[in-house]
Protein backbone atom coordinates (compact mmCIF):
# COMPACT_ATOMS: atom_id res chain seq x y z
CA MET A 1 0.56 29.58 8.75
CA SER A 2 1.11 33.19 7.72
CA ASP A 3 1.68 34.14 4.10
CA ASP A 4 5.38 34.63 4.84
CA GLN A 5 5.67 31.12 6.25
CA ILE A 6 3.80 29.64 3.31
CA MET A 7 6.09 31.30 0.81
CA SER A 8 9.37 30.43 2.59
CA LYS A 9 11.16 27.30 1.44
CA PRO A 10 11.96 24.76 4.19
CA ALA A 11 15.42 23.33 4.77
CA LEU A 12 15.55 19.82 3.30
CA ASP A 13 18.11 17.16 4.18
CA ILE A 14 17.61 14.68 1.35
CA GLU A 15 21.16 13.28 1.41
CA GLY A 16 20.84 12.68 5.17
CA ALA A 17 17.51 10.98 4.62
CA ALA A 18 19.10 8.69 2.02
CA ILE A 19 21.64 7.53 4.63
CA ARG A 20 18.94 6.95 7.26
CA LEU A 21 16.76 5.01 4.83
CA LYS A 22 19.44 2.86 3.21
CA PRO A 23 19.08 -0.12 5.60
CA VAL A 24 15.27 0.09 5.62
CA VAL A 25 13.84 0.72 2.15
CA ASN A 26 14.32 -1.13 -1.10
CA HIS A 27 16.51 0.64 -3.63
CA THR A 28 13.87 0.23 -6.32
CA PRO A 29 15.00 -0.32 -9.92
CA LEU A 30 15.16 2.29 -12.65
CA GLN A 31 14.07 0.20 -15.63
CA PHE A 32 14.36 0.98 -19.31
CA ASN A 33 11.04 0.24 -21.01
CA ALA A 34 11.41 -0.85 -24.62
CA ASN A 35 7.70 -0.74 -25.54
CA LEU A 36 7.10 2.80 -24.30
CA SER A 37 10.41 3.97 -25.77
CA ARG A 38 9.42 2.59 -29.16
CA LYS A 39 5.93 4.09 -28.96
CA TYR A 40 7.13 7.60 -28.10
CA GLN A 41 10.44 7.48 -30.01
CA CYS A 42 12.48 8.35 -26.95
CA ARG A 43 14.19 6.66 -24.00
CA VAL A 44 11.67 5.89 -21.26
CA TYR A 45 12.75 4.70 -17.82
CA LEU A 46 10.34 3.63 -15.10
CA LYS A 47 11.20 4.27 -11.46
CA ARG A 48 9.50 1.25 -9.90
CA GLU A 49 8.33 2.40 -6.47
CA ASP A 50 5.52 -0.13 -6.87
CA LEU A 51 8.26 -2.65 -5.94
CA GLN A 52 8.93 -0.92 -2.61
CA ILE A 53 8.45 -3.01 0.56
CA VAL A 54 5.00 -1.52 1.18
CA ARG A 55 4.38 -1.14 -2.57
CA SER A 56 4.70 2.65 -2.56
CA TYR A 57 7.26 5.37 -1.82
CA LYS A 58 5.38 6.52 1.29
CA LEU A 59 7.59 4.44 3.60
CA ARG A 60 10.47 6.80 2.86
CA GLY A 61 8.93 9.93 4.37
CA ALA A 62 7.29 8.22 7.33
CA TYR A 63 10.44 6.39 8.43
CA ASN A 64 12.67 9.41 7.85
CA MET A 65 10.58 11.58 10.17
CA MET A 66 10.01 8.92 12.83
CA SER A 67 13.67 7.90 12.94
CA GLN A 68 14.59 11.47 13.92
CA LEU A 69 12.24 11.68 16.90
CA THR A 70 13.76 11.75 20.38
CA PRO A 71 13.65 8.61 22.58
CA HIS A 72 11.07 10.41 24.75
CA GLN A 73 8.83 11.12 21.73
CA LEU A 74 9.14 7.55 20.50
CA ALA A 75 8.25 6.21 23.94
CA LYS A 76 5.02 8.26 23.91
CA GLY A 77 4.04 6.85 20.51
CA VAL A 78 3.04 8.20 17.11
CA VAL A 79 -0.22 8.80 15.23
CA CYS A 80 -1.19 9.15 11.59
CA ALA A 81 -4.33 9.64 9.52
CA SER A 82 -4.49 7.95 6.15
CA ALA A 83 -6.78 6.01 3.85
CA GLY A 84 -4.00 4.06 2.17
CA ASN A 85 -0.30 4.16 1.36
CA HIS A 86 0.86 6.50 4.12
CA ALA A 87 -0.80 4.25 6.71
CA GLN A 88 1.11 1.24 5.42
CA GLY A 89 4.47 3.04 5.35
CA PHE A 90 3.75 4.39 8.84
CA ALA A 91 2.83 0.91 10.13
CA TYR A 92 5.99 -0.68 8.71
CA SER A 93 8.08 2.09 10.29
CA CYS A 94 6.46 1.48 13.68
CA LYS A 95 7.45 -2.18 13.52
CA LYS A 96 11.04 -1.40 12.44
CA LEU A 97 11.47 1.16 15.22
CA ASN A 98 9.57 -0.84 17.89
CA VAL A 99 7.22 2.09 18.42
CA LYS A 100 3.53 2.10 19.31
CA GLY A 101 1.50 3.64 16.50
CA VAL A 102 -2.17 4.51 16.08
CA VAL A 103 -3.61 4.78 12.57
CA PHE A 104 -6.86 6.62 11.97
CA MET A 105 -8.66 5.58 8.79
CA PRO A 106 -12.12 6.55 7.43
CA ILE A 107 -14.87 4.02 8.11
CA PRO A 108 -15.44 3.38 4.36
CA SER A 109 -11.77 2.42 3.84
CA PRO A 110 -11.46 -0.81 1.80
CA GLN A 111 -10.90 -3.80 4.06
CA GLN A 112 -7.85 -4.72 1.97
CA LYS A 113 -6.10 -1.48 3.01
CA VAL A 114 -7.03 -1.96 6.66
CA ASN A 115 -5.69 -5.52 6.57
CA GLN A 116 -2.46 -4.45 4.84
CA THR A 117 -1.85 -1.76 7.46
CA LYS A 118 -2.31 -4.28 10.28
CA MET A 119 -0.07 -6.78 8.47
CA PHE A 120 2.83 -4.34 8.08
CA GLY A 121 2.52 -2.99 11.64
CA GLU A 122 1.75 -6.30 13.37
CA SER A 123 1.34 -5.83 17.14
CA PHE A 124 2.87 -2.33 17.09
CA VAL A 125 -0.11 -0.71 15.37
CA GLU A 126 -3.71 -0.07 16.35
CA VAL A 127 -6.19 0.90 13.60
CA ILE A 128 -9.12 3.14 14.52
CA LEU A 129 -11.89 3.64 11.95
CA VAL A 130 -13.68 6.95 12.33
CA GLY A 131 -15.60 9.38 10.12
CA ASP A 132 -16.75 9.15 6.53
CA THR A 133 -13.85 11.04 4.93
CA PHE A 134 -10.12 11.54 5.32
CA ASP A 135 -10.76 15.04 6.70
CA ASP A 136 -12.98 13.56 9.43
CA CYS A 137 -10.41 11.00 10.54
CA ALA A 138 -7.57 13.56 10.33
CA ILE A 139 -9.38 15.81 12.83
CA ALA A 140 -9.94 12.85 15.16
CA ALA A 141 -6.30 11.78 14.80
CA LYS A 142 -4.96 15.20 15.73
CA GLU A 143 -7.27 15.43 18.75
CA TYR A 144 -6.10 11.98 19.87
CA THR A 145 -2.47 13.04 19.41
CA LEU A 146 -2.86 16.07 21.68
CA THR A 147 -4.86 14.19 24.30
CA HIS A 148 -2.25 11.43 24.62
CA GLY A 149 0.87 13.57 24.18
CA MET A 150 1.96 11.65 21.08
CA THR A 151 3.58 12.82 17.83
CA PHE A 152 1.58 13.24 14.63
CA ILE A 153 3.22 11.97 11.43
CA PRO A 154 1.63 13.87 8.53
CA PRO A 155 1.27 12.30 5.07
CA PHE A 156 3.15 15.05 3.20
CA ASP A 157 3.31 18.53 4.74
CA HIS A 158 6.56 18.38 6.74
CA ALA A 159 10.21 18.94 5.81
CA SER A 160 11.27 15.49 7.06
CA ILE A 161 8.52 13.79 5.07
CA ILE A 162 9.50 15.72 1.93
CA SER A 163 13.18 14.88 2.47
CA GLY A 164 12.35 11.20 2.75
CA GLN A 165 10.31 11.21 -0.44
CA GLY A 166 13.14 13.12 -2.14
CA THR A 167 15.37 10.06 -1.83
CA VAL A 168 13.47 8.69 -4.83
CA GLY A 169 15.26 11.42 -6.79
CA VAL A 170 18.64 10.45 -5.33
CA GLU A 171 18.23 6.88 -6.55
CA ILE A 172 17.00 7.96 -9.98
CA LEU A 173 19.96 10.23 -10.61
CA ASN A 174 22.56 7.84 -9.20
CA ASP A 175 21.24 4.91 -11.23
CA TYR A 176 20.93 6.92 -14.42
CA ASN A 177 24.45 8.31 -14.07
CA ALA A 178 25.71 4.75 -13.61
CA PHE A 179 23.89 3.67 -16.79
CA ALA A 180 25.31 6.65 -18.68
CA LYS A 181 28.84 5.92 -17.48
CA GLU A 182 28.63 2.34 -18.71
CA SER A 183 27.02 3.32 -22.01
CA GLU A 184 29.02 3.90 -25.15
CA GLY A 185 26.00 5.18 -27.08
CA ASN A 186 23.41 7.94 -26.69
CA LEU A 187 23.47 8.08 -22.91
CA ALA A 188 27.07 9.20 -22.57
CA GLY A 189 26.98 12.75 -21.23
CA ALA A 190 23.22 13.09 -21.80
CA PRO A 191 21.13 14.33 -18.86
CA ILE A 192 17.62 13.22 -17.97
CA ASP A 193 15.44 15.59 -19.97
CA TYR A 194 12.08 15.08 -18.24
CA ILE A 195 10.75 13.55 -15.04
CA PHE A 196 7.02 12.84 -14.88
CA MET A 197 5.71 12.50 -11.33
CA PRO A 198 2.30 12.30 -9.64
CA VAL A 199 1.21 15.08 -7.32
CA GLY A 200 -1.15 14.46 -4.41
CA GLY A 201 -0.25 16.41 -1.29
CA GLY A 202 3.02 17.37 -2.97
CA GLY A 203 5.60 15.51 -0.85
CA LEU A 204 7.08 13.42 -3.66
CA SER A 205 7.13 16.22 -6.24
CA ALA A 206 8.63 18.68 -3.74
CA GLY A 207 11.39 16.29 -2.66
CA VAL A 208 12.35 14.96 -6.08
CA GLY A 209 12.00 18.40 -7.69
CA TYR A 210 14.17 20.05 -5.03
CA TYR A 211 16.90 17.44 -5.42
CA PHE A 212 16.97 17.63 -9.21
CA LYS A 213 17.02 21.41 -9.32
CA GLN A 214 20.21 21.20 -7.24
CA HIS A 215 21.91 18.34 -9.08
CA SER A 216 20.40 18.32 -12.59
CA PRO A 217 18.85 21.76 -13.14
CA SER A 218 18.28 21.22 -16.86
CA THR A 219 15.84 18.38 -16.16
CA LYS A 220 12.24 19.51 -16.60
CA MET A 221 9.98 18.45 -13.73
CA ILE A 222 6.42 17.66 -14.85
CA GLY A 223 3.80 17.41 -12.09
CA LEU A 224 0.64 15.43 -12.78
CA GLU A 225 -2.74 15.57 -11.08
CA PRO A 226 -6.03 13.82 -11.85
CA GLU A 227 -8.55 16.06 -13.61
CA GLY A 228 -10.95 15.70 -10.71
CA ALA A 229 -8.53 16.98 -8.06
CA PRO A 230 -6.42 19.90 -9.40
CA SER A 231 -5.16 21.10 -6.01
CA MET A 232 -1.60 22.00 -7.00
CA LEU A 233 -2.60 23.50 -10.34
CA THR A 234 -5.14 25.71 -8.60
CA ALA A 235 -2.61 26.74 -5.94
CA LEU A 236 -0.02 27.66 -8.56
CA LYS A 237 -2.57 29.79 -10.43
CA GLU A 238 -3.74 31.54 -7.25
CA GLY A 239 -0.27 31.90 -5.75
CA HIS A 240 -1.19 30.04 -2.55
CA PRO A 241 -2.88 26.81 -1.45
CA VAL A 242 -6.64 26.76 -1.99
CA GLU A 243 -9.14 24.27 -0.58
CA LEU A 244 -11.27 22.83 -3.36
CA GLU A 245 -14.97 22.43 -2.63
CA GLN A 246 -15.28 19.05 -4.32
CA ILE A 247 -12.89 16.48 -5.76
CA ASP A 248 -13.15 13.16 -7.55
CA LYS A 249 -11.54 10.69 -5.11
CA PHE A 250 -11.07 7.90 -7.65
CA VAL A 251 -7.28 8.44 -7.82
CA ASP A 252 -7.07 7.98 -4.08
CA GLY A 253 -3.28 8.30 -3.88
CA ALA A 254 -3.29 11.73 -5.54
CA SER A 255 -6.63 13.35 -4.72
CA VAL A 256 -6.53 15.98 -1.98
CA LYS A 257 -8.73 19.02 -1.46
CA ARG A 258 -5.83 21.23 -0.40
CA ILE A 259 -2.15 21.04 -1.21
CA GLY A 260 0.27 21.36 1.71
CA ASP A 261 1.70 24.73 2.74
CA VAL A 262 5.25 23.39 3.07
CA THR A 263 5.04 21.33 -0.12
CA PHE A 264 3.65 24.31 -2.04
CA ALA A 265 6.53 26.50 -0.87
CA VAL A 266 8.91 24.06 -2.58
CA CYS A 267 6.84 23.01 -5.58
CA LYS A 268 6.15 26.53 -6.80
CA ASP A 269 9.88 26.87 -7.52
CA VAL A 270 10.74 23.36 -8.76
CA ILE A 271 7.82 22.21 -10.91
CA ASP A 272 8.24 23.33 -14.51
CA ASP A 273 4.79 22.30 -15.71
CA MET A 274 1.57 21.04 -14.12
CA HIS A 275 -0.69 18.83 -16.19
CA LEU A 276 -4.09 17.24 -15.53
CA VAL A 277 -4.73 13.64 -16.53
CA PRO A 278 -8.30 12.36 -17.11
CA GLU A 279 -9.34 9.57 -14.75
CA GLY A 280 -10.48 7.47 -17.72
CA LYS A 281 -7.06 7.78 -19.35
CA ILE A 282 -5.46 6.65 -16.11
CA CYS A 283 -7.70 3.57 -16.12
CA THR A 284 -6.74 2.73 -19.71
CA THR A 285 -3.07 2.96 -18.71
CA ILE A 286 -3.58 0.66 -15.69
CA LEU A 287 -5.05 -2.01 -17.99
CA GLN A 288 -2.31 -1.54 -20.61
CA MET A 289 0.48 -1.84 -18.06
CA TYR A 290 -1.06 -5.02 -16.69
CA ASN A 291 -1.76 -6.62 -20.06
CA GLU A 292 1.40 -5.53 -21.88
CA GLU A 293 4.02 -5.27 -19.12
CA ALA A 294 2.62 -7.49 -16.33
CA ILE A 295 2.93 -4.48 -13.99
CA VAL A 296 0.22 -3.92 -11.36
CA VAL A 297 0.00 -0.18 -10.82
CA GLU A 298 -2.43 1.89 -8.77
CA PRO A 299 -4.23 4.93 -10.29
CA ALA A 300 -1.77 7.50 -8.88
CA GLY A 301 1.16 5.39 -10.06
CA ALA A 302 -0.20 5.20 -13.59
CA MET A 303 -0.43 8.97 -14.07
CA SER A 304 3.21 9.44 -15.07
CA ILE A 305 2.79 7.02 -17.97
CA ALA A 306 -0.75 8.12 -18.86
CA ALA A 307 0.47 11.69 -19.44
CA LEU A 308 3.00 10.77 -22.13
CA ASP A 309 0.45 10.97 -24.94
CA ASP A 310 0.09 14.70 -24.23
CA TYR A 311 3.86 15.28 -24.46
CA THR A 312 4.60 13.24 -27.57
CA GLU A 313 6.33 16.02 -29.51
CA GLN A 314 8.30 17.43 -26.56
CA ILE A 315 9.78 14.09 -25.48
CA LYS A 316 10.68 12.73 -28.92
CA GLY A 317 14.36 11.75 -28.90
CA LYS A 318 14.71 12.66 -25.22
CA THR A 319 15.48 10.76 -22.04
CA ILE A 320 12.59 10.67 -19.61
CA VAL A 321 11.76 9.05 -16.28
CA CYS A 322 8.23 8.15 -15.19
CA ILE A 323 7.84 7.61 -11.44
CA VAL A 324 5.54 4.65 -10.88
CA SER A 325 4.68 5.73 -7.36
CA GLY A 326 2.78 2.68 -6.14
CA GLY A 327 1.10 -0.62 -6.86
CA ASN A 328 -1.54 -0.93 -4.14
CA ASN A 329 -4.43 -1.62 -6.47
CA ASP A 330 -7.33 -3.52 -4.94
CA ILE A 331 -8.49 -6.21 -7.39
CA ALA A 332 -12.08 -5.42 -6.37
CA ARG A 333 -11.71 -2.12 -8.26
CA MET A 334 -10.83 -3.68 -11.58
CA GLN A 335 -14.40 -3.72 -12.89
CA GLU A 336 -14.75 0.00 -12.18
CA ILE A 337 -11.36 0.64 -13.79
CA LYS A 338 -12.39 -1.24 -16.93
CA GLU A 339 -15.71 0.63 -17.04
CA ARG A 340 -14.06 4.05 -16.75
CA SER A 341 -11.53 3.10 -19.41
CA LEU A 342 -14.20 1.99 -21.89
CA ILE A 343 -16.21 5.17 -21.37
CA TYR A 344 -13.12 7.35 -21.78
CA GLU A 345 -12.12 5.52 -24.98
CA GLY A 346 -15.63 6.05 -26.38
CA LEU A 347 -16.37 2.34 -26.43
CA LYS A 348 -19.15 2.23 -23.85
CA HIS A 349 -22.30 4.31 -23.76
CA TYR A 350 -25.46 4.36 -21.68
CA PHE A 351 -28.87 5.52 -22.86
CA LEU A 352 -32.34 5.93 -21.43
CA ILE A 353 -34.59 4.76 -24.26
CA ARG A 354 -38.38 5.03 -24.36
CA PHE A 355 -39.38 2.34 -26.80
CA ALA A 356 -42.53 2.74 -28.92
CA GLN A 357 -45.56 1.03 -27.41
CA ARG A 358 -45.98 -1.64 -30.06
CA PRO A 359 -44.94 -5.26 -30.54
CA GLY A 360 -41.48 -5.71 -32.04
CA ALA A 361 -40.07 -2.31 -31.00
CA LEU A 362 -37.13 -3.84 -29.16
CA LYS A 363 -36.47 -6.27 -32.00
CA ASP A 364 -36.41 -3.41 -34.52
CA PHE A 365 -33.95 -1.53 -32.31
CA VAL A 366 -31.57 -4.48 -32.23
CA ASN A 367 -31.86 -5.22 -35.96
CA ASN A 368 -31.92 -1.68 -37.37
CA VAL A 369 -30.09 0.58 -34.93
CA LEU A 370 -27.28 -1.57 -33.59
CA GLY A 371 -24.27 -2.48 -35.72
CA GLN A 372 -23.22 -6.08 -36.20
CA GLU A 373 -20.45 -5.78 -33.59
CA ASP A 374 -22.32 -3.58 -31.09
CA ASP A 375 -22.98 -5.43 -27.85
CA ILE A 376 -25.78 -4.84 -25.32
CA THR A 377 -24.06 -5.09 -21.92
CA ARG A 378 -26.99 -3.89 -19.81
CA PHE A 379 -30.74 -3.75 -20.24
CA GLU A 380 -33.33 -3.01 -17.58
CA TYR A 381 -36.61 -1.21 -17.36
CA ILE A 382 -36.52 1.75 -14.97
CA GLN A 383 -40.16 1.44 -13.88
CA LYS A 384 -41.33 -1.58 -11.93
CA HIS A 385 -44.88 -1.32 -13.27
CA ASN A 386 -46.24 -0.58 -16.73
CA LYS A 387 -42.84 -1.46 -18.21
CA GLU A 388 -44.03 -1.21 -21.80
CA ALA A 389 -44.54 2.53 -21.40
CA GLY A 390 -41.48 3.19 -19.23
CA PRO A 391 -37.90 4.00 -20.23
CA ALA A 392 -35.23 1.31 -20.36
CA LEU A 393 -31.61 1.70 -19.30
CA VAL A 394 -29.47 0.35 -22.13
CA GLY A 395 -25.69 -0.07 -21.96
CA LEU A 396 -23.87 -0.56 -25.25
CA GLU A 397 -20.25 -1.55 -25.88
CA LEU A 398 -18.79 -0.76 -29.31
CA LYS A 399 -15.94 -2.42 -31.15
CA SER A 400 -14.56 0.95 -32.28
CA ASN A 401 -15.26 4.49 -31.11
CA LYS A 402 -15.89 5.34 -34.77
CA ASP A 403 -19.08 3.25 -34.54
CA TYR A 404 -20.60 5.81 -32.17
CA LYS A 405 -21.42 8.24 -34.98
CA VAL A 406 -23.21 5.51 -36.92
CA LEU A 407 -25.14 4.48 -33.80
CA ILE A 408 -26.43 8.02 -33.19
CA GLU A 409 -27.34 8.45 -36.86
CA ASN A 410 -29.37 5.22 -36.71
CA MET A 411 -31.11 6.39 -33.53
CA LYS A 412 -32.26 9.54 -35.33
CA ARG A 413 -33.12 7.75 -38.57
CA TYR A 414 -35.45 5.32 -36.81
CA GLN A 415 -36.83 8.04 -34.51
CA ILE A 416 -35.63 6.43 -31.29
CA ASN A 417 -36.63 8.48 -28.25
CA TYR A 418 -33.39 8.50 -26.22
CA ASN A 419 -31.33 10.41 -23.68
CA GLU A 420 -27.62 9.71 -23.42
CA ILE A 421 -26.14 9.40 -19.95
CA ASN A 422 -22.49 10.36 -19.95
CA LYS A 423 -20.03 10.17 -17.08
CA GLU A 424 -20.60 13.81 -16.09
CA ASP A 425 -24.35 13.47 -15.57
CA ASN A 426 -25.85 13.05 -12.13
CA LEU A 427 -28.02 10.36 -13.68
CA TYR A 428 -24.91 8.30 -14.41
CA GLY A 429 -23.98 8.31 -10.76
CA TYR A 430 -27.46 7.27 -9.72
CA LEU A 431 -28.12 4.56 -12.30
CA ILE A 432 -24.82 2.99 -13.33
């Protein structure tokens, strides 16, 4: 694309998409959340796209684009590249439209996501695993598309995809206006003040933002990205999409190296603020939503709620909507989610400790350095031979993050030879 094309805003048909999608997608609920409203002293509504048929909003864009293809294009078949939610929305759309679809997924994709894609697509979908990364499988998918004369359905960077995702905004505004009309209290005549929404490739934020700027321009649109993948924030600062050299892929539904050209052209005019959310904070929110609300939410879907702590003063007394974009959270990831949450909250720490070469050194460490409620969760010598002289990897879980200061003071007081391994260190990645 040229710079002129990148900067020009595409024509979006969100109302038309809403009509096309009405018989296919769930009209997901806009739910008032009493606990979050009480905590932040405002009115918090959750847009529950985790309750969508494929457990994310991605079905909307995929079906909207595919349903507008010509009979000839549909007969030739469609292709997509995805490691998760887009693949499942694409597969479901293939089954609904009786169209042959081919899904390219990276070889390391979790088996759960591969199985879900096959389940939603049934006999209409073929899954091909290729490459180590999304970029690898996307290249293979586009080559396959050209070779077989098929149509490629992108995950976000297309006007029809954006229009489909924008129907989330249509439902939010319609449902809220219905609530306000029935209300005799604070809602009467009050607009939605803030919408918090995750940003990955930018399809959802572009569609919802575009719709609200037309129909509720006073509503502030807050885009959220994980700290480890600030693609949109970087693009907005530079004035154009930029490919990041490295990203943290933990928030798989919102971690892309490069924002879309088409989505950027819209988002630069409709997003009022971009904010980065730490991955550890996202993990804490996932656990809280499960334990306190019985809601299973994926990392990208948790971002809209995780960000509220950073907007406490701005949202006080206001009406806000958090888009819970999806609930495809593999239970096999829960241990990693808990670990990241504990580290972020300052409750778990790892050390390399070289104990003194004398009897009772470990016992003294336990008795003198550790607090009564400190728990050793991991202990192993790094060297296989001559262990008494080698360092030990020690994982500690604290009852309160305030205990960390006491722990470090005790380490120094008793002259413990230690190195702390935090989540940013290369050592952490190798050893933990």
